[in-house]
Amino acid sequence: MSTSEFVLIGFAVLFSSLIQTVTGFGFALLAVPLMSMAVPTETAVVIAATLGTFASGGQAWTERHHGDRSTMKRLTLAAFIGAPFGLVILNVASSQQLKIGLVVVIVVFLIVNLRGFRLEQASTPIDLAAGFVAGVLSTSLSTNGPPLVMALHARHFSPQGFRATISSVFVAIGLLSLVLFAVTGYFTTDVAWSLLVAGPTLALGFFLGHRIRGHINPVRFRSLVTLLLAATAVVTIVSVIAG
């Protein structure tokens, strides 16, 4: 990999982690398409999944006493079932096809948020379906957040309970994903060097995000992030067309 590719990866992680810290969402949805401009999409997926697991670990530990254990168990069990199916997709799909999948996930996420759609009634089947889809998305595109967010919003947890539950599920799915990536040979030398570059920029992004998020209007900033995600989807579509 060239120096310019490492620089782009570092910038993508820095920018995405800052956005995640301020808004509470968007890391993988932004990082994977941006990194895919420098490296194959499957490499970007492994990098984002690794960093996302470590990023969620700290929050899961500090909030560990506030999570809903029964919900965590259902989501995690279903995700573990779905994760191998996502790995199959990662193995058989081309980089271009994975990019198309990213566009679909981003567009669906944007539509759901713009229309203000929320599940009002929670149930075990919804948890199991959301967990399964999250598992598939985790190992195929590293974008497992949207189905989990929808399922947990339906349970009307407190902010603390929401953060604790979703962070714990993220960590569990992430650890399984990393094991699956390792045994199937996705942790290449390029991934290792990319993680060395991206690790410090991940920390810097979180630091900057914590410093600025108290000084901005969160509603306006979330609107800006929506526009950024839309622009990311357009850029990804263009890259697919350009080949």
Protein backbone atom coordinates (compact mmCIF):
# COMPACT_ATOMS: atom_id res chain seq x y z
CA MET A 1 0.00 0.00 0.00
CA SER A 2 1.16 3.53 -0.76
CA THR A 3 1.57 6.45 1.62
CA SER A 4 -1.43 8.22 0.08
CA GLU A 5 -3.63 5.18 0.75
CA PHE A 6 -2.57 5.08 4.41
CA VAL A 7 -3.25 8.82 4.68
CA LEU A 8 -6.76 8.37 3.27
CA ILE A 9 -7.46 5.51 5.68
CA GLY A 10 -6.26 7.60 8.62
CA PHE A 11 -8.41 10.54 7.55
CA ALA A 12 -11.48 8.34 7.03
CA VAL A 13 -11.16 6.87 10.54
CA LEU A 14 -10.46 10.25 12.14
CA PHE A 15 -13.45 11.89 10.47
CA SER A 16 -15.81 8.97 11.08
CA SER A 17 -14.88 8.56 14.74
CA LEU A 18 -15.41 12.28 15.32
CA ILE A 19 -18.87 12.07 13.73
CA GLN A 20 -19.68 8.95 15.78
CA THR A 21 -18.71 10.68 19.02
CA VAL A 22 -20.80 13.78 18.34
CA THR A 23 -23.93 12.14 16.92
CA GLY A 24 -23.85 8.59 18.30
CA PHE A 25 -23.91 6.94 14.86
CA GLY A 26 -22.20 6.86 11.50
CA PHE A 27 -18.74 5.33 12.05
CA ALA A 28 -18.91 2.33 9.73
CA LEU A 29 -21.47 3.96 7.41
CA LEU A 30 -18.90 6.68 6.68
CA ALA A 31 -15.59 4.90 7.23
CA VAL A 32 -16.10 1.87 5.00
CA PRO A 33 -17.08 3.80 1.82
CA LEU A 34 -14.33 6.37 2.40
CA MET A 35 -11.67 3.71 2.97
CA SER A 36 -12.94 1.83 -0.09
CA MET A 37 -11.58 4.70 -2.17
CA ALA A 38 -8.09 3.57 -1.15
CA VAL A 39 -8.35 -0.19 -0.54
CA PRO A 40 -10.62 -3.07 -1.61
CA THR A 41 -13.97 -2.95 0.13
CA GLU A 42 -13.40 -6.24 1.93
CA THR A 43 -10.20 -4.80 3.46
CA ALA A 44 -12.09 -1.69 4.56
CA VAL A 45 -14.74 -3.91 6.17
CA VAL A 46 -12.15 -5.79 8.26
CA ILE A 47 -10.45 -2.56 9.36
CA ALA A 48 -13.74 -0.93 10.35
CA ALA A 49 -14.99 -4.04 12.16
CA THR A 50 -11.76 -4.27 14.17
CA LEU A 51 -11.71 -0.62 15.14
CA GLY A 52 -15.43 -0.61 15.88
CA THR A 53 -15.07 -3.53 18.28
CA PHE A 54 -12.38 -1.79 20.30
CA ALA A 55 -14.25 1.51 20.20
CA SER A 56 -17.40 -0.11 21.63
CA GLY A 57 -15.46 -2.02 24.27
CA GLY A 58 -14.76 0.96 26.49
CA GLN A 59 -18.37 2.10 26.55
CA ALA A 60 -19.63 -1.44 27.11
CA TRP A 61 -17.37 -1.76 30.15
CA THR A 62 -18.21 1.60 31.73
CA GLU A 63 -21.97 1.07 31.21
CA ARG A 64 -21.94 -2.67 31.99
CA HIS A 65 -24.33 -2.43 34.95
CA HIS A 66 -27.10 -0.73 32.97
CA GLY A 67 -27.68 -3.11 30.06
CA ASP A 68 -30.74 -5.30 29.63
CA ARG A 69 -29.27 -8.79 29.74
CA SER A 70 -32.21 -10.67 28.23
CA THR A 71 -32.29 -8.34 25.21
CA MET A 72 -28.52 -8.59 24.83
CA LYS A 73 -28.72 -12.38 24.84
CA ARG A 74 -31.43 -12.49 22.16
CA LEU A 75 -29.69 -10.01 19.88
CA THR A 76 -26.29 -11.64 20.31
CA LEU A 77 -27.56 -15.19 19.75
CA ALA A 78 -29.35 -14.17 16.55
CA ALA A 79 -26.30 -12.20 15.38
CA PHE A 80 -24.04 -15.20 15.90
CA ILE A 81 -26.34 -17.19 13.63
CA GLY A 82 -26.31 -14.47 10.98
CA ALA A 83 -22.57 -13.71 11.01
CA PRO A 84 -21.44 -16.78 9.00
CA PHE A 85 -23.94 -15.87 6.26
CA GLY A 86 -22.38 -12.41 6.06
CA LEU A 87 -18.93 -13.96 5.76
CA VAL A 88 -20.17 -16.01 2.78
CA ILE A 89 -21.31 -12.77 1.15
CA LEU A 90 -17.91 -11.19 1.80
CA ASN A 91 -16.20 -14.22 0.21
CA VAL A 92 -18.31 -14.47 -2.93
CA ALA A 93 -19.12 -10.82 -3.67
CA SER A 94 -16.79 -8.58 -5.63
CA SER A 95 -15.56 -5.25 -4.27
CA GLN A 96 -18.00 -3.48 -6.58
CA GLN A 97 -20.92 -5.58 -5.40
CA LEU A 98 -20.01 -4.85 -1.77
CA LYS A 99 -20.00 -1.14 -2.58
CA ILE A 100 -23.49 -1.48 -4.02
CA GLY A 101 -24.53 -3.19 -0.79
CA LEU A 102 -23.09 -0.27 1.17
CA VAL A 103 -25.11 2.18 -0.89
CA VAL A 104 -28.30 0.19 -0.23
CA VAL A 105 -27.67 0.15 3.54
CA ILE A 106 -26.89 3.88 3.63
CA VAL A 107 -29.93 4.81 1.54
CA VAL A 108 -32.28 2.66 3.65
CA PHE A 109 -30.81 4.17 6.82
CA LEU A 110 -31.32 7.69 5.46
CA ILE A 111 -34.91 7.03 4.40
CA VAL A 112 -35.80 5.55 7.78
CA ASN A 113 -34.28 8.54 9.62
CA LEU A 114 -35.71 11.21 7.33
CA ARG A 115 -39.20 9.76 7.62
CA GLY A 116 -38.81 9.50 11.39
CA PHE A 117 -39.83 5.85 11.33
CA ARG A 118 -39.66 4.11 14.72
CA LEU A 119 -40.81 0.70 15.85
CA GLU A 120 -43.28 1.34 18.65
CA GLN A 121 -43.78 -2.25 19.84
CA ALA A 122 -40.89 -4.48 20.88
CA SER A 123 -41.01 -8.26 20.80
CA THR A 124 -38.74 -11.28 20.84
CA PRO A 125 -39.22 -11.93 17.07
CA ILE A 126 -38.15 -8.33 16.32
CA ASP A 127 -35.05 -8.75 18.49
CA LEU A 128 -34.15 -12.03 16.78
CA ALA A 129 -34.68 -10.58 13.29
CA ALA A 130 -32.67 -7.46 14.07
CA GLY A 131 -29.86 -9.49 15.59
CA PHE A 132 -29.72 -11.84 12.61
CA VAL A 133 -29.54 -8.97 10.12
CA ALA A 134 -26.92 -7.23 12.26
CA GLY A 135 -24.80 -10.39 12.22
CA VAL A 136 -25.03 -10.63 8.43
CA LEU A 137 -24.14 -6.96 8.01
CA SER A 138 -21.28 -7.16 10.51
CA THR A 139 -19.23 -9.70 8.58
CA SER A 140 -20.22 -8.54 5.11
CA LEU A 141 -20.19 -4.73 5.34
CA SER A 142 -19.35 -3.87 9.00
CA THR A 143 -22.55 -1.77 9.15
CA ASN A 144 -24.48 -3.63 11.83
CA GLY A 145 -25.86 -0.59 13.67
CA PRO A 146 -29.16 0.28 11.91
CA PRO A 147 -31.16 -2.90 12.73
CA LEU A 148 -29.96 -2.87 16.34
CA VAL A 149 -30.85 0.80 16.78
CA MET A 150 -34.37 0.20 15.46
CA ALA A 151 -34.95 -2.81 17.72
CA LEU A 152 -33.66 -1.08 20.86
CA HIS A 153 -35.58 2.13 20.22
CA ALA A 154 -38.75 0.02 20.28
CA ARG A 155 -37.94 -1.02 23.85
CA HIS A 156 -37.79 2.60 25.03
CA PHE A 157 -34.71 2.13 27.19
CA SER A 158 -33.18 5.02 29.07
CA PRO A 159 -30.16 6.57 27.28
CA GLN A 160 -27.85 4.76 29.67
CA GLY A 161 -29.62 1.44 29.16
CA PHE A 162 -29.62 1.92 25.39
CA ARG A 163 -25.88 2.69 25.26
CA ALA A 164 -25.02 -0.22 27.57
CA THR A 165 -27.12 -2.75 25.67
CA ILE A 166 -26.10 -1.78 22.15
CA SER A 167 -22.40 -1.43 23.05
CA SER A 168 -22.33 -4.89 24.60
CA VAL A 169 -23.98 -6.40 21.53
CA PHE A 170 -21.53 -4.53 19.26
CA VAL A 171 -18.60 -6.00 21.18
CA ALA A 172 -19.97 -9.54 21.10
CA ILE A 173 -20.70 -9.41 17.36
CA GLY A 174 -17.38 -7.69 16.72
CA LEU A 175 -15.35 -10.32 18.55
CA LEU A 176 -17.06 -13.11 16.62
CA SER A 177 -16.48 -11.24 13.36
CA LEU A 178 -12.78 -10.85 14.14
CA VAL A 179 -12.46 -14.58 14.85
CA LEU A 180 -14.18 -15.40 11.56
CA PHE A 181 -11.97 -12.93 9.66
CA ALA A 182 -8.86 -14.42 11.27
CA VAL A 183 -9.63 -18.06 10.47
CA THR A 184 -10.53 -17.18 6.86
CA GLY A 185 -7.34 -15.22 6.21
CA TYR A 186 -8.67 -11.65 6.05
CA PHE A 187 -6.11 -10.27 8.49
CA THR A 188 -3.45 -9.51 5.91
CA THR A 189 -0.27 -7.45 6.23
CA ASP A 190 -2.07 -4.50 4.64
CA VAL A 191 -4.81 -4.73 7.28
CA ALA A 192 -2.22 -4.88 10.07
CA TRP A 193 -0.39 -1.77 8.84
CA SER A 194 -3.67 0.03 8.27
CA LEU A 195 -4.72 -0.68 11.87
CA LEU A 196 -1.42 0.72 13.13
CA VAL A 197 -2.09 3.92 11.19
CA ALA A 198 -5.80 4.11 12.02
CA GLY A 199 -5.60 3.33 15.73
CA PRO A 200 -4.18 6.73 16.77
CA THR A 201 -6.52 8.61 14.42
CA LEU A 202 -9.48 6.72 15.94
CA ALA A 203 -8.45 7.91 19.40
CA LEU A 204 -7.88 11.46 18.12
CA GLY A 205 -11.32 11.52 16.50
CA PHE A 206 -13.01 10.47 19.75
CA PHE A 207 -11.00 13.05 21.70
CA LEU A 208 -11.93 15.88 19.33
CA GLY A 209 -15.55 14.74 19.26
CA HIS A 210 -15.82 14.87 23.04
CA ARG A 211 -14.27 18.34 23.05
CA ILE A 212 -16.63 19.88 20.49
CA ARG A 213 -19.94 18.09 20.99
CA GLY A 214 -20.93 20.33 23.90
CA HIS A 215 -20.44 23.44 21.79
CA ILE A 216 -22.62 22.66 18.77
CA ASN A 217 -26.30 22.30 18.04
CA PRO A 218 -26.83 18.50 17.92
CA VAL A 219 -29.97 18.72 15.76
CA ARG A 220 -28.25 20.82 13.09
CA PHE A 221 -25.17 18.66 13.24
CA ARG A 222 -27.22 15.49 12.75
CA SER A 223 -28.77 17.14 9.70
CA LEU A 224 -25.27 17.81 8.40
CA VAL A 225 -24.32 14.18 8.98
CA THR A 226 -27.40 13.10 7.01
CA LEU A 227 -26.15 15.20 4.10
CA LEU A 228 -22.66 13.71 4.48
CA LEU A 229 -24.07 10.18 4.37
CA ALA A 230 -26.05 11.07 1.25
CA ALA A 231 -22.90 12.48 -0.35
CA THR A 232 -21.01 9.32 0.64
CA ALA A 233 -23.65 7.20 -1.07
CA VAL A 234 -23.35 9.31 -4.24
CA VAL A 235 -19.55 9.06 -4.23
CA THR A 236 -19.78 5.29 -3.78
CA ILE A 237 -22.22 5.01 -6.69
CA VAL A 238 -19.86 7.03 -8.87
CA SER A 239 -16.94 4.76 -7.93
CA VAL A 240 -19.03 1.71 -8.85
CA ILE A 241 -19.90 3.19 -12.24
CA ALA A 242 -16.31 4.24 -12.83
CA GLY A 243 -15.22 0.68 -12.10
